[in-house]
Amino acid sequence: MNVSVLVGSLRKASLNRMLANELISLAPSSMRLEVVEIGHLPFYNEDLERVIDPPPAEWTTFRGCIKAADAVLFVTPEYNRSVPAALKNALDVGSRPYGGSVWDRKPAAIVSSSPGAIGGFGANHHLRQSLVFLNVPTMQQPEAYLGHADKLLDEHGKLAGDGIHKLLQGFMQAFANWVETIRSRDRQIAG
């Protein structure tokens, strides 16, 4: 299964980007994960979506990547108890034009992290709220709020202990199972 990975932080050396890379390396062999960059997407503006004009090429490419994916993994920090603007913009770009959302029925999971103690809890739940509206079946358990994320990685951006390695490997296996459950359900409904 092909999984698009969206990283909420745009910094090249961000904790969330390093965690996303580690999650990719821990995924079961049934999954092929690829980071889809979101920092270059123009802010969503319906004026750019006019029927007489093609939308920005970056939007078209992004929508195509998400549409082709079997699932989406969100890895995000928390900014002001919410998701970063770039991630919210990606949700908006993918949800338009009205009736053509690339998110519809796309299985997903969320990992949030922070150097603070609560591990991006607010961002995780704020993102879940948006995904409910977009009809994205999001894995409920296990949850992944990674507090003190700066201590989970070594100086090379690799997981710094067996405990976190085992936790995230279990999370990725649960995500693979979730995606297969949703895909199987959708095949039964369609068939």
Foldseek 3Di string as FASTA:
>chain_A
DEEEEEELDPDPPDLLVLVVVQLQVLAPPVYHYDYDYQPPDDADDCVQVDPVHHHDPSLVVLLVVLLPGQAYEYEAEADPLATHPSVVRSQVSQCDDPPRHSQALREYEYAAADLADQQSPSHRVNVVVSSVVNNHHYDDPPHHRHYSSVVQADPVSYGDDPVVSVVSSVVNVVSVVVSVVSVVVVVVVVD
